[in-house]
Amino acid sequence: MSVLVPLSIIMGVGGLLAFLWSLRTRQYEDLDGAAARILLDSDEDAAIGRDRQYPPPRGGRR
């Protein structure tokens, strides 16, 4: 029982630090954009240029 209280305090501080880190790295800036991004069709993504962020695979058919 004497281990549970310090362990819970350590876990609480760790959770608080993780939350503060997420605030500092602006994880909550664009909540509406993330919600709308899932609704986009893959054709619309190609038109916007989002498919170009990854390099093409090597050794593919030509």
PDB file of N, CA and C in Angstrom:
ATOM      1  N   MET A   1       0.815  -1.186   0.000  1.00  0.00           N
ATOM      2  CA  MET A   1       0.000   0.000   0.000  1.00  0.00           C
ATOM      3  C   MET A   1       0.866   1.260   0.000  1.00  0.00           C
ATOM      4  N   SER A   2       2.017   1.186   0.585  1.00  0.00           N
ATOM      5  CA  SER A   2       2.868   2.372   0.628  1.00  0.00           C
ATOM      6  C   SER A   2       3.493   2.670  -0.730  1.00  0.00           C
ATOM      7  N   VAL A   3       3.369   1.760  -1.678  1.00  0.00           N
ATOM      8  CA  VAL A   3       3.919   1.972  -3.021  1.00  0.00           C
ATOM      9  C   VAL A   3       2.895   2.644  -3.920  1.00  0.00           C
ATOM     10  N   LEU A   4       1.614   2.437  -3.653  1.00  0.00           N
ATOM     11  CA  LEU A   4       0.570   2.916  -4.547  1.00  0.00           C
ATOM     12  C   LEU A   4       0.440   4.437  -4.565  1.00  0.00           C
ATOM     13  N   VAL A   5       0.588   5.095  -3.440  1.00  0.00           N
ATOM     14  CA  VAL A   5       0.440   6.554  -3.391  1.00  0.00           C
ATOM     15  C   VAL A   5       1.558   7.250  -4.167  1.00  0.00           C
ATOM     16  N   PRO A   6       2.835   6.933  -3.936  1.00  0.00           N
ATOM     17  CA  PRO A   6       3.880   7.570  -4.746  1.00  0.00           C
ATOM     18  C   PRO A   6       3.767   7.216  -6.236  1.00  0.00           C
ATOM     19  N   LEU A   7       3.368   5.991  -6.522  1.00  0.00           N
ATOM     20  CA  LEU A   7       3.213   5.585  -7.918  1.00  0.00           C
ATOM     21  C   LEU A   7       2.096   6.380  -8.593  1.00  0.00           C
ATOM     22  N   SER A   8       0.994   6.598  -7.900  1.00  0.00           N
ATOM     23  CA  SER A   8      -0.099   7.384  -8.476  1.00  0.00           C
ATOM     24  C   SER A   8       0.295   8.848  -8.648  1.00  0.00           C
ATOM     25  N   ILE A   9       1.091   9.378  -7.728  1.00  0.00           N
ATOM     26  CA  ILE A   9       1.560  10.760  -7.868  1.00  0.00           C
ATOM     27  C   ILE A   9       2.496  10.882  -9.062  1.00  0.00           C
ATOM     28  N   ILE A  10       3.388   9.937  -9.242  1.00  0.00           N
ATOM     29  CA  ILE A  10       4.311   9.936 -10.377  1.00  0.00           C
ATOM     30  C   ILE A  10       3.541   9.834 -11.689  1.00  0.00           C
ATOM     31  N   MET A  11       2.538   8.952 -11.740  1.00  0.00           N
ATOM     32  CA  MET A  11       1.747   8.812 -12.956  1.00  0.00           C
ATOM     33  C   MET A  11       0.925  10.064 -13.239  1.00  0.00           C
ATOM     34  N   GLY A  12       0.411  10.719 -12.195  1.00  0.00           N
ATOM     35  CA  GLY A  12      -0.339  11.960 -12.371  1.00  0.00           C
ATOM     36  C   GLY A  12       0.537  13.078 -12.902  1.00  0.00           C
ATOM     37  N   VAL A  13       1.740  13.200 -12.360  1.00  0.00           N
ATOM     38  CA  VAL A  13       2.680  14.211 -12.847  1.00  0.00           C
ATOM     39  C   VAL A  13       3.090  13.904 -14.282  1.00  0.00           C
ATOM     40  N   GLY A  14       3.276  12.627 -14.600  1.00  0.00           N
ATOM     41  CA  GLY A  14       3.617  12.246 -15.978  1.00  0.00           C
ATOM     42  C   GLY A  14       2.507  12.593 -16.951  1.00  0.00           C
ATOM     43  N   GLY A  15       1.264  12.373 -16.550  1.00  0.00           N
ATOM     44  CA  GLY A  15       0.129  12.743 -17.393  1.00  0.00           C
ATOM     45  C   GLY A  15       0.021  14.247 -17.578  1.00  0.00           C
ATOM     46  N   LEU A  16       0.276  14.991 -16.512  1.00  0.00           N
ATOM     47  CA  LEU A  16       0.248  16.451 -16.602  1.00  0.00           C
ATOM     48  C   LEU A  16       1.349  16.955 -17.527  1.00  0.00           C
ATOM     49  N   LEU A  17       2.543  16.389 -17.415  1.00  0.00           N
ATOM     50  CA  LEU A  17       3.644  16.790 -18.302  1.00  0.00           C
ATOM     51  C   LEU A  17       3.342  16.450 -19.759  1.00  0.00           C
ATOM     52  N   ALA A  18       2.729  15.307 -20.010  1.00  0.00           N
ATOM     53  CA  ALA A  18       2.359  14.939 -21.379  1.00  0.00           C
ATOM     54  C   ALA A  18       1.323  15.912 -21.930  1.00  0.00           C
ATOM     55  N   PHE A  19       0.371  16.315 -21.116  1.00  0.00           N
ATOM     56  CA  PHE A  19      -0.636  17.285 -21.552  1.00  0.00           C
ATOM     57  C   PHE A  19      -0.010  18.640 -21.841  1.00  0.00           C
ATOM     58  N   LEU A  20       0.882  19.100 -20.964  1.00  0.00           N
ATOM     59  CA  LEU A  20       1.548  20.385 -21.196  1.00  0.00           C
ATOM     60  C   LEU A  20       2.427  20.335 -22.442  1.00  0.00           C
ATOM     61  N   TRP A  21       3.069  19.196 -22.688  1.00  0.00           N
ATOM     62  CA  TRP A  21       3.866  19.046 -23.910  1.00  0.00           C
ATOM     63  C   TRP A  21       2.971  19.147 -25.143  1.00  0.00           C
ATOM     64  N   SER A  22       1.797  18.529 -25.092  1.00  0.00           N
ATOM     65  CA  SER A  22       0.904  18.588 -26.246  1.00  0.00           C
ATOM     66  C   SER A  22       0.392  20.002 -26.481  1.00  0.00           C
ATOM     67  N   LEU A  23       0.229  20.782 -25.434  1.00  0.00           N
ATOM     68  CA  LEU A  23      -0.160  22.171 -25.607  1.00  0.00           C
ATOM     69  C   LEU A  23       0.965  22.985 -26.238  1.00  0.00           C
ATOM     70  N   ARG A  24       2.194  22.755 -25.786  1.00  0.00           N
ATOM     71  CA  ARG A  24       3.336  23.524 -26.307  1.00  0.00           C
ATOM     72  C   ARG A  24       3.646  23.196 -27.756  1.00  0.00           C
ATOM     73  N   THR A  25       3.382  21.958 -28.187  1.00  0.00           N
ATOM     74  CA  THR A  25       3.652  21.581 -29.570  1.00  0.00           C
ATOM     75  C   THR A  25       2.434  21.799 -30.461  1.00  0.00           C
ATOM     76  N   ARG A  26       1.433  22.502 -29.952  1.00  0.00           N
ATOM     77  CA  ARG A  26       0.253  22.926 -30.702  1.00  0.00           C
ATOM     78  C   ARG A  26      -0.516  21.761 -31.318  1.00  0.00           C
ATOM     79  N   GLN A  27      -0.726  20.722 -30.545  1.00  0.00           N
ATOM     80  CA  GLN A  27      -1.482  19.568 -31.016  1.00  0.00           C
ATOM     81  C   GLN A  27      -2.969  19.877 -31.148  1.00  0.00           C
ATOM     82  N   TYR A  28      -3.453  20.905 -30.471  1.00  0.00           N
ATOM     83  CA  TYR A  28      -4.879  21.222 -30.468  1.00  0.00           C
ATOM     84  C   TYR A  28      -5.203  22.450 -31.308  1.00  0.00           C
ATOM     85  N   GLU A  29      -4.344  22.847 -32.220  1.00  0.00           N
ATOM     86  CA  GLU A  29      -4.556  24.065 -32.991  1.00  0.00           C
ATOM     87  C   GLU A  29      -5.682  23.933 -34.017  1.00  0.00           C
ATOM     88  N   ASP A  30      -5.685  22.871 -34.816  1.00  0.00           N
ATOM     89  CA  ASP A  30      -6.604  22.762 -35.946  1.00  0.00           C
ATOM     90  C   ASP A  30      -7.512  21.552 -35.762  1.00  0.00           C
ATOM     91  N   LEU A  31      -8.437  21.639 -34.839  1.00  0.00           N
ATOM     92  CA  LEU A  31      -9.329  20.520 -34.584  1.00  0.00           C
ATOM     93  C   LEU A  31     -10.355  20.338 -35.694  1.00  0.00           C
ATOM     94  N   ASP A  32     -10.821  21.435 -36.294  1.00  0.00           N
ATOM     95  CA  ASP A  32     -11.802  21.324 -37.372  1.00  0.00           C
ATOM     96  C   ASP A  32     -11.180  20.776 -38.642  1.00  0.00           C
ATOM     97  N   GLY A  33      -9.929  21.109 -38.903  1.00  0.00           N
ATOM     98  CA  GLY A  33      -9.256  20.605 -40.097  1.00  0.00           C
ATOM     99  C   GLY A  33      -9.057  19.108 -40.034  1.00  0.00           C
ATOM    100  N   ALA A  34      -8.718  18.595 -38.870  1.00  0.00           N
ATOM    101  CA  ALA A  34      -8.547  17.152 -38.726  1.00  0.00           C
ATOM    102  C   ALA A  34      -9.874  16.431 -38.878  1.00  0.00           C
ATOM    103  N   ALA A  35     -10.948  17.021 -38.412  1.00  0.00           N
ATOM    104  CA  ALA A  35     -12.265  16.401 -38.538  1.00  0.00           C
ATOM    105  C   ALA A  35     -12.740  16.416 -39.981  1.00  0.00           C
ATOM    106  N   ALA A  36     -12.432  17.461 -40.729  1.00  0.00           N
ATOM    107  CA  ALA A  36     -12.879  17.556 -42.114  1.00  0.00           C
ATOM    108  C   ALA A  36     -11.981  16.772 -43.057  1.00  0.00           C
ATOM    109  N   ARG A  37     -10.741  16.537 -42.680  1.00  0.00           N
ATOM    110  CA  ARG A  37      -9.799  15.852 -43.552  1.00  0.00           C
ATOM    111  C   ARG A  37     -10.223  14.419 -43.847  1.00  0.00           C
ATOM    112  N   ILE A  38     -10.914  13.785 -42.923  1.00  0.00           N
ATOM    113  CA  ILE A  38     -11.338  12.409 -43.132  1.00  0.00           C
ATOM    114  C   ILE A  38     -12.470  12.339 -44.163  1.00  0.00           C
ATOM    115  N   LEU A  39     -13.165  13.442 -44.378  1.00  0.00           N
ATOM    116  CA  LEU A  39     -14.275  13.458 -45.317  1.00  0.00           C
ATOM    117  C   LEU A  39     -13.831  13.674 -46.752  1.00  0.00           C
ATOM    118  N   LEU A  40     -12.583  14.071 -46.971  1.00  0.00           N
ATOM    119  CA  LEU A  40     -12.096  14.319 -48.318  1.00  0.00           C
ATOM    120  C   LEU A  40     -11.934  13.010 -49.079  1.00  0.00           C
ATOM    121  N   ASP A  41     -12.280  13.061 -50.338  1.00  0.00           N
ATOM    122  CA  ASP A  41     -12.113  11.902 -51.206  1.00  0.00           C
ATOM    123  C   ASP A  41     -10.670  11.854 -51.683  1.00  0.00           C
ATOM    124  N   SER A  42     -10.184  10.680 -52.056  1.00  0.00           N
ATOM    125  CA  SER A  42      -8.794  10.563 -52.494  1.00  0.00           C
ATOM    126  C   SER A  42      -8.551  11.341 -53.782  1.00  0.00           C
ATOM    127  N   ASP A  43      -9.586  11.511 -54.632  1.00  0.00           N
ATOM    128  CA  ASP A  43      -9.428  12.328 -55.839  1.00  0.00           C
ATOM    129  C   ASP A  43      -9.213  13.789 -55.474  1.00  0.00           C
ATOM    130  N   GLU A  44      -9.893  14.231 -54.450  1.00  0.00           N
ATOM    131  CA  GLU A  44      -9.706  15.606 -53.999  1.00  0.00           C
ATOM    132  C   GLU A  44      -8.321  15.786 -53.388  1.00  0.00           C
ATOM    133  N   ASP A  45      -7.826  14.768 -52.694  1.00  0.00           N
ATOM    134  CA  ASP A  45      -6.483  14.842 -52.130  1.00  0.00           C
ATOM    135  C   ASP A  45      -5.444  14.974 -53.229  1.00  0.00           C
ATOM    136  N   ALA A  46      -5.626  14.250 -54.318  1.00  0.00           N
ATOM    137  CA  ALA A  46      -4.677  14.335 -55.431  1.00  0.00           C
ATOM    138  C   ALA A  46      -4.738  15.718 -56.075  1.00  0.00           C
ATOM    139  N   ALA A  47      -5.940  16.281 -56.171  1.00  0.00           N
ATOM    140  CA  ALA A  47      -6.074  17.610 -56.756  1.00  0.00           C
ATOM    141  C   ALA A  47      -5.424  18.662 -55.866  1.00  0.00           C
ATOM    142  N   ILE A  48      -5.484  18.472 -54.564  1.00  0.00           N
ATOM    143  CA  ILE A  48      -4.872  19.418 -53.642  1.00  0.00           C
ATOM    144  C   ILE A  48      -3.354  19.247 -53.631  1.00  0.00           C
ATOM    145  N   GLY A  49      -2.884  18.037 -53.899  1.00  0.00           N
ATOM    146  CA  GLY A  49      -1.455  17.779 -53.914  1.00  0.00           C
ATOM    147  C   GLY A  49      -0.969  17.049 -52.686  1.00  0.00           C
ATOM    148  N   ARG A  50      -1.861  16.460 -51.931  1.00  0.00           N
ATOM    149  CA  ARG A  50      -1.439  15.770 -50.717  1.00  0.00           C
ATOM    150  C   ARG A  50      -0.767  14.445 -51.008  1.00  0.00           C
ATOM    151  N   ASP A  51      -1.045  13.854 -52.165  1.00  0.00           N
ATOM    152  CA  ASP A  51      -0.414  12.577 -52.488  1.00  0.00           C
ATOM    153  C   ASP A  51       1.056  12.751 -52.839  1.00  0.00           C
ATOM    154  N   ARG A  52       1.483  13.961 -53.118  1.00  0.00           N
ATOM    155  CA  ARG A  52       2.865  14.187 -53.525  1.00  0.00           C
ATOM    156  C   ARG A  52       3.823  14.303 -52.355  1.00  0.00           C
ATOM    157  N   GLN A  53       3.351  14.160 -51.139  1.00  0.00           N
ATOM    158  CA  GLN A  53       4.240  14.301 -49.991  1.00  0.00           C
ATOM    159  C   GLN A  53       5.116  13.076 -49.779  1.00  0.00           C
ATOM    160  N   TYR A  54       4.767  11.952 -50.372  1.00  0.00           N
ATOM    161  CA  TYR A  54       5.567  10.746 -50.249  1.00  0.00           C
ATOM    162  C   TYR A  54       6.282  10.479 -51.561  1.00  0.00           C
ATOM    163  N   PRO A  55       7.530  10.041 -51.541  1.00  0.00           N
ATOM    164  CA  PRO A  55       8.230   9.748 -52.800  1.00  0.00           C
ATOM    165  C   PRO A  55       7.619   8.522 -53.479  1.00  0.00           C
ATOM    166  N   PRO A  56       7.680   8.472 -54.818  1.00  0.00           N
ATOM    167  CA  PRO A  56       7.123   7.313 -55.519  1.00  0.00           C
ATOM    168  C   PRO A  56       7.928   6.050 -55.212  1.00  0.00           C
ATOM    169  N   PRO A  57       7.289   4.870 -55.253  1.00  0.00           N
ATOM    170  CA  PRO A  57       8.022   3.638 -54.968  1.00  0.00           C
ATOM    171  C   PRO A  57       9.053   3.346 -56.049  1.00  0.00           C
ATOM    172  N   ARG A  58      10.148   2.739 -55.650  1.00  0.00           N
ATOM    173  CA  ARG A  58      11.210   2.396 -56.606  1.00  0.00           C
ATOM    174  C   ARG A  58      10.927   1.043 -57.229  1.00  0.00           C
ATOM    175  N   GLY A  59      11.382   0.866 -58.454  1.00  0.00           N
ATOM    176  CA  GLY A  59      11.301  -0.429 -59.114  1.00  0.00           C
ATOM    177  C   GLY A  59       9.901  -0.798 -59.562  1.00  0.00           C
ATOM    178  N   GLY A  60       9.009   0.171 -59.664  1.00  0.00           N
ATOM    179  CA  GLY A  60       7.659  -0.116 -60.106  1.00  0.00           C
ATOM    180  C   GLY A  60       7.585  -0.263 -61.613  1.00  0.00           C
ATOM    181  N   ARG A  61       6.419  -0.684 -62.091  1.00  0.00           N
ATOM    182  CA  ARG A  61       6.215  -0.825 -63.541  1.00  0.00           C
ATOM    183  C   ARG A  61       6.135   0.545 -64.182  1.00  0.00           C
ATOM    184  N   ARG A  62       6.587   0.608 -65.440  1.00  0.00           N
ATOM    185  CA  ARG A  62       6.525   1.877 -66.189  1.00  0.00           C
ATOM    186  C   ARG A  62       5.648   1.747 -67.367  1.00  0.00           C
TER     187      ARG A  62
END
